[in-house]
Amino acid sequence: MGRVVVYRHGTLELPVDIELTCEDGTRQRQHWDGHGFTHNVDYAGPSPIVTVSVDPEQRILLDDDLSNNWLSTKTVRAPRDFERGLYLAQLLLGAVGP
């Protein structure tokens, strides 16, 4: 049992899906019409929520910051570190390449 509060940044109101992922792997989706600055997603299930994702299929192409579209209760450092490592490698290759 729980509640997730989703905030909309900016003034553009677009419909979006919100996906809750539980500890046991089950997923629940809810549709938000985008009206208002907040939306409450109530959850009642046997397993606690571990991840919330707004626009999980990334259908909204106008979003300039995808990093704020999800939140997890578990620490997820490896993908972020890997992303930064790839970026650094691209910079280095760009500096020494043609």
N, C-alpha and C. Protein backbone atom coordinates (compact mmCIF):
# COMPACT_ATOMS: atom_id res chain seq x y z
N MET A 1 0.84 -1.17 0.00
CA MET A 1 0.00 0.00 0.00
C MET A 1 0.89 1.24 0.00
N GLY A 2 0.56 2.19 -0.83
CA GLY A 2 1.36 3.39 -0.89
C GLY A 2 0.79 4.40 -1.86
N ARG A 3 1.50 5.50 -1.98
CA ARG A 3 1.08 6.56 -2.88
C ARG A 3 2.32 7.18 -3.50
N VAL A 4 2.21 7.46 -4.78
CA VAL A 4 3.27 8.13 -5.53
C VAL A 4 2.71 9.46 -5.99
N VAL A 5 3.45 10.53 -5.80
CA VAL A 5 3.04 11.85 -6.27
C VAL A 5 3.97 12.23 -7.42
N VAL A 6 3.38 12.47 -8.59
CA VAL A 6 4.13 12.83 -9.78
C VAL A 6 3.95 14.32 -10.02
N TYR A 7 5.06 15.02 -10.27
CA TYR A 7 5.03 16.46 -10.52
C TYR A 7 5.31 16.74 -11.99
N ARG A 8 4.62 17.70 -12.54
CA ARG A 8 4.88 18.14 -13.90
C ARG A 8 5.67 19.42 -13.84
N HIS A 9 6.83 19.46 -14.51
CA HIS A 9 7.64 20.66 -14.59
C HIS A 9 7.29 21.37 -15.88
N GLY A 10 7.10 22.65 -15.82
CA GLY A 10 6.77 23.41 -17.03
C GLY A 10 5.28 23.61 -17.17
N THR A 11 4.89 24.19 -18.29
CA THR A 11 3.49 24.55 -18.50
C THR A 11 2.79 23.69 -19.55
N LEU A 12 3.53 22.87 -20.27
CA LEU A 12 2.96 22.03 -21.31
C LEU A 12 2.22 20.85 -20.69
N GLU A 13 0.94 20.72 -21.00
CA GLU A 13 0.12 19.64 -20.44
C GLU A 13 -0.08 18.56 -21.50
N LEU A 14 0.57 17.41 -21.30
CA LEU A 14 0.45 16.29 -22.22
C LEU A 14 0.05 15.04 -21.46
N PRO A 15 -0.78 14.19 -22.06
CA PRO A 15 -1.11 12.92 -21.40
C PRO A 15 0.11 12.01 -21.37
N VAL A 16 0.23 11.25 -20.29
CA VAL A 16 1.42 10.43 -20.10
C VAL A 16 1.05 9.19 -19.28
N ASP A 17 1.80 8.10 -19.49
CA ASP A 17 1.63 6.89 -18.70
C ASP A 17 2.62 6.91 -17.54
N ILE A 18 2.20 6.32 -16.43
CA ILE A 18 3.04 6.19 -15.24
C ILE A 18 3.09 4.71 -14.91
N GLU A 19 4.30 4.18 -14.77
CA GLU A 19 4.46 2.75 -14.49
C GLU A 19 5.09 2.55 -13.13
N LEU A 20 4.46 1.73 -12.31
CA LEU A 20 4.98 1.35 -11.00
C LEU A 20 5.54 -0.06 -11.12
N THR A 21 6.76 -0.27 -10.66
CA THR A 21 7.36 -1.60 -10.64
C THR A 21 7.54 -2.01 -9.19
N CYS A 22 7.05 -3.19 -8.87
CA CYS A 22 7.10 -3.68 -7.50
C CYS A 22 8.30 -4.59 -7.29
N GLU A 23 8.59 -4.86 -6.04
CA GLU A 23 9.73 -5.68 -5.67
C GLU A 23 9.64 -7.09 -6.25
N ASP A 24 8.43 -7.62 -6.40
CA ASP A 24 8.26 -8.97 -6.95
C ASP A 24 8.26 -8.99 -8.47
N GLY A 25 8.46 -7.82 -9.11
CA GLY A 25 8.54 -7.76 -10.57
C GLY A 25 7.25 -7.39 -11.27
N THR A 26 6.16 -7.33 -10.54
CA THR A 26 4.90 -6.95 -11.18
C THR A 26 4.91 -5.47 -11.52
N ARG A 27 4.18 -5.14 -12.56
CA ARG A 27 4.11 -3.76 -13.02
C ARG A 27 2.65 -3.32 -13.11
N GLN A 28 2.44 -2.06 -12.81
CA GLN A 28 1.10 -1.48 -12.88
C GLN A 28 1.22 -0.15 -13.60
N ARG A 29 0.35 0.06 -14.58
CA ARG A 29 0.36 1.33 -15.32
C ARG A 29 -0.91 2.11 -15.05
N GLN A 30 -0.74 3.43 -15.05
CA GLN A 30 -1.87 4.33 -14.90
C GLN A 30 -1.67 5.48 -15.87
N HIS A 31 -2.75 5.95 -16.43
CA HIS A 31 -2.70 7.05 -17.39
C HIS A 31 -3.02 8.36 -16.68
N TRP A 32 -2.25 9.40 -16.98
CA TRP A 32 -2.48 10.74 -16.45
C TRP A 32 -2.74 11.66 -17.62
N ASP A 33 -3.78 12.44 -17.56
CA ASP A 33 -4.13 13.33 -18.66
C ASP A 33 -3.23 14.56 -18.73
N GLY A 34 -2.39 14.77 -17.74
CA GLY A 34 -1.44 15.87 -17.74
C GLY A 34 -1.96 17.16 -17.14
N HIS A 35 -3.23 17.21 -16.79
CA HIS A 35 -3.79 18.43 -16.23
C HIS A 35 -3.38 18.56 -14.76
N GLY A 36 -3.06 19.78 -14.36
CA GLY A 36 -2.61 20.03 -13.00
C GLY A 36 -1.11 19.82 -12.89
N PHE A 37 -0.54 20.33 -11.82
CA PHE A 37 0.91 20.21 -11.64
C PHE A 37 1.31 18.93 -10.91
N THR A 38 0.35 18.28 -10.25
CA THR A 38 0.64 17.03 -9.56
C THR A 38 -0.42 15.99 -9.89
N HIS A 39 -0.05 14.75 -9.72
CA HIS A 39 -0.98 13.64 -9.90
C HIS A 39 -0.64 12.57 -8.87
N ASN A 40 -1.63 12.11 -8.14
CA ASN A 40 -1.44 11.07 -7.13
C ASN A 40 -1.76 9.71 -7.72
N VAL A 41 -0.86 8.77 -7.54
CA VAL A 41 -1.08 7.38 -7.96
C VAL A 41 -1.14 6.55 -6.69
N ASP A 42 -2.32 6.05 -6.38
CA ASP A 42 -2.48 5.21 -5.19
C ASP A 42 -2.21 3.76 -5.57
N TYR A 43 -1.56 3.04 -4.66
CA TYR A 43 -1.18 1.66 -4.90
C TYR A 43 -1.57 0.81 -3.71
N ALA A 44 -2.18 -0.32 -3.99
CA ALA A 44 -2.49 -1.29 -2.94
C ALA A 44 -2.13 -2.66 -3.47
N GLY A 45 -1.06 -3.22 -2.99
CA GLY A 45 -0.62 -4.53 -3.46
C GLY A 45 0.23 -5.21 -2.40
N PRO A 46 0.53 -6.49 -2.61
CA PRO A 46 1.27 -7.24 -1.61
C PRO A 46 2.76 -6.92 -1.56
N SER A 47 3.31 -6.38 -2.65
CA SER A 47 4.73 -6.12 -2.73
C SER A 47 4.99 -4.62 -2.77
N PRO A 48 6.04 -4.13 -2.11
CA PRO A 48 6.31 -2.69 -2.11
C PRO A 48 6.81 -2.19 -3.47
N ILE A 49 6.56 -0.92 -3.75
CA ILE A 49 7.00 -0.28 -4.98
C ILE A 49 8.50 -0.01 -4.89
N VAL A 50 9.24 -0.34 -5.97
CA VAL A 50 10.67 -0.06 -5.97
C VAL A 50 11.05 0.96 -7.04
N THR A 51 10.24 1.08 -8.10
CA THR A 51 10.57 2.02 -9.17
C THR A 51 9.30 2.66 -9.72
N VAL A 52 9.39 3.95 -9.99
CA VAL A 52 8.31 4.68 -10.66
C VAL A 52 8.90 5.31 -11.91
N SER A 53 8.19 5.15 -13.02
CA SER A 53 8.67 5.68 -14.29
C SER A 53 7.55 6.45 -14.97
N VAL A 54 7.83 7.69 -15.33
CA VAL A 54 6.87 8.51 -16.09
C VAL A 54 7.28 8.42 -17.56
N ASP A 55 6.31 8.15 -18.42
CA ASP A 55 6.57 7.97 -19.85
C ASP A 55 7.62 6.88 -20.06
N PRO A 56 7.35 5.64 -19.61
CA PRO A 56 8.35 4.58 -19.67
C PRO A 56 8.78 4.22 -21.09
N GLU A 57 7.94 4.45 -22.08
CA GLU A 57 8.30 4.14 -23.47
C GLU A 57 8.89 5.34 -24.20
N GLN A 58 9.07 6.44 -23.48
CA GLN A 58 9.66 7.69 -24.00
C GLN A 58 8.98 8.13 -25.29
N ARG A 59 7.68 8.26 -25.23
CA ARG A 59 6.89 8.71 -26.37
C ARG A 59 6.90 10.22 -26.54
N ILE A 60 7.13 10.94 -25.45
CA ILE A 60 7.12 12.41 -25.51
C ILE A 60 8.51 12.87 -25.91
N LEU A 61 8.66 13.30 -27.13
CA LEU A 61 9.96 13.70 -27.66
C LEU A 61 10.36 15.11 -27.25
N LEU A 62 9.44 15.89 -26.70
CA LEU A 62 9.73 17.26 -26.30
C LEU A 62 10.43 17.35 -24.95
N ASP A 63 10.56 16.24 -24.25
CA ASP A 63 11.17 16.23 -22.93
C ASP A 63 12.68 16.39 -23.07
N ASP A 64 13.22 17.49 -22.54
CA ASP A 64 14.65 17.76 -22.68
C ASP A 64 15.48 17.20 -21.52
N ASP A 65 14.84 16.66 -20.49
CA ASP A 65 15.57 16.09 -19.35
C ASP A 65 14.91 14.77 -18.97
N LEU A 66 15.40 13.67 -19.53
CA LEU A 66 14.82 12.36 -19.26
C LEU A 66 15.26 11.79 -17.91
N SER A 67 16.25 12.41 -17.29
CA SER A 67 16.75 11.88 -16.02
C SER A 67 15.76 12.05 -14.86
N ASN A 68 14.79 12.94 -15.02
CA ASN A 68 13.83 13.15 -13.93
C ASN A 68 12.51 12.41 -14.18
N ASN A 69 12.52 11.45 -15.11
CA ASN A 69 11.30 10.70 -15.42
C ASN A 69 11.17 9.41 -14.63
N TRP A 70 12.12 9.10 -13.78
CA TRP A 70 12.02 7.88 -12.99
C TRP A 70 12.67 8.08 -11.63
N LEU A 71 12.26 7.22 -10.72
CA LEU A 71 12.81 7.24 -9.37
C LEU A 71 12.78 5.82 -8.83
N SER A 72 13.83 5.45 -8.13
CA SER A 72 13.93 4.12 -7.58
C SER A 72 14.28 4.20 -6.10
N THR A 73 13.78 3.25 -5.34
CA THR A 73 14.12 3.19 -3.93
C THR A 73 15.46 2.49 -3.73
N LYS A 74 15.95 1.82 -4.75
CA LYS A 74 17.24 1.13 -4.68
C LYS A 74 18.30 2.00 -5.33
N THR A 75 19.53 1.89 -4.86
CA THR A 75 20.63 2.66 -5.41
C THR A 75 21.02 2.08 -6.76
N VAL A 76 21.05 2.95 -7.77
CA VAL A 76 21.40 2.52 -9.12
C VAL A 76 22.54 3.39 -9.61
N ARG A 77 23.77 3.01 -9.27
CA ARG A 77 24.93 3.81 -9.64
C ARG A 77 25.60 3.30 -10.91
N ALA A 78 25.60 2.00 -11.14
CA ALA A 78 26.37 1.43 -12.25
C ALA A 78 25.97 1.98 -13.61
N PRO A 79 24.70 2.04 -13.98
CA PRO A 79 24.37 2.58 -15.31
C PRO A 79 24.79 4.04 -15.46
N ARG A 80 24.66 4.83 -14.44
CA ARG A 80 25.04 6.24 -14.51
C ARG A 80 26.56 6.38 -14.67
N ASP A 81 27.32 5.59 -13.93
CA ASP A 81 28.77 5.62 -14.06
C ASP A 81 29.20 5.14 -15.44
N PHE A 82 28.54 4.12 -15.97
CA PHE A 82 28.84 3.62 -17.30
C PHE A 82 28.57 4.69 -18.35
N GLU A 83 27.46 5.40 -18.20
CA GLU A 83 27.11 6.48 -19.13
C GLU A 83 28.18 7.58 -19.11
N ARG A 84 28.63 7.95 -17.94
CA ARG A 84 29.66 8.98 -17.83
C ARG A 84 30.99 8.50 -18.42
N GLY A 85 31.31 7.23 -18.23
CA GLY A 85 32.52 6.67 -18.82
C GLY A 85 32.49 6.69 -20.34
N LEU A 86 31.33 6.36 -20.91
CA LEU A 86 31.19 6.40 -22.36
C LEU A 86 31.33 7.83 -22.88
N TYR A 87 30.76 8.78 -22.17
CA TYR A 87 30.87 10.18 -22.57
C TYR A 87 32.32 10.64 -22.55
N LEU A 88 33.05 10.27 -21.51
CA LEU A 88 34.46 10.62 -21.42
C LEU A 88 35.26 9.99 -22.57
N ALA A 89 34.95 8.74 -22.90
CA ALA A 89 35.63 8.07 -24.02
C ALA A 89 35.35 8.79 -25.33
N GLN A 90 34.12 9.24 -25.54
CA GLN A 90 33.78 9.98 -26.75
C GLN A 90 34.56 11.29 -26.83
N LEU A 91 34.68 11.98 -25.69
CA LEU A 91 35.44 13.23 -25.68
C LEU A 91 36.90 13.00 -26.03
N LEU A 92 37.48 11.95 -25.45
CA LEU A 92 38.88 11.65 -25.72
C LEU A 92 39.11 11.25 -27.17
N LEU A 93 38.22 10.42 -27.70
CA LEU A 93 38.35 10.03 -29.11
C LEU A 93 38.15 11.21 -30.04
N GLY A 94 37.28 12.11 -29.69
CA GLY A 94 37.06 13.31 -30.49
C GLY A 94 38.27 14.23 -30.47
N ALA A 95 39.00 14.23 -29.37
CA ALA A 95 40.16 15.11 -29.24
C ALA A 95 41.36 14.58 -30.04
N VAL A 96 41.48 13.26 -30.15
CA VAL A 96 42.64 12.71 -30.86
C VAL A 96 42.29 12.23 -32.25
N GLY A 97 41.02 12.13 -32.58
CA GLY A 97 40.61 11.65 -33.90
C GLY A 97 40.60 12.76 -34.94
N PRO A 98 40.31 12.37 -36.19
CA PRO A 98 40.33 13.36 -37.28
C PRO A 98 39.27 14.41 -37.17
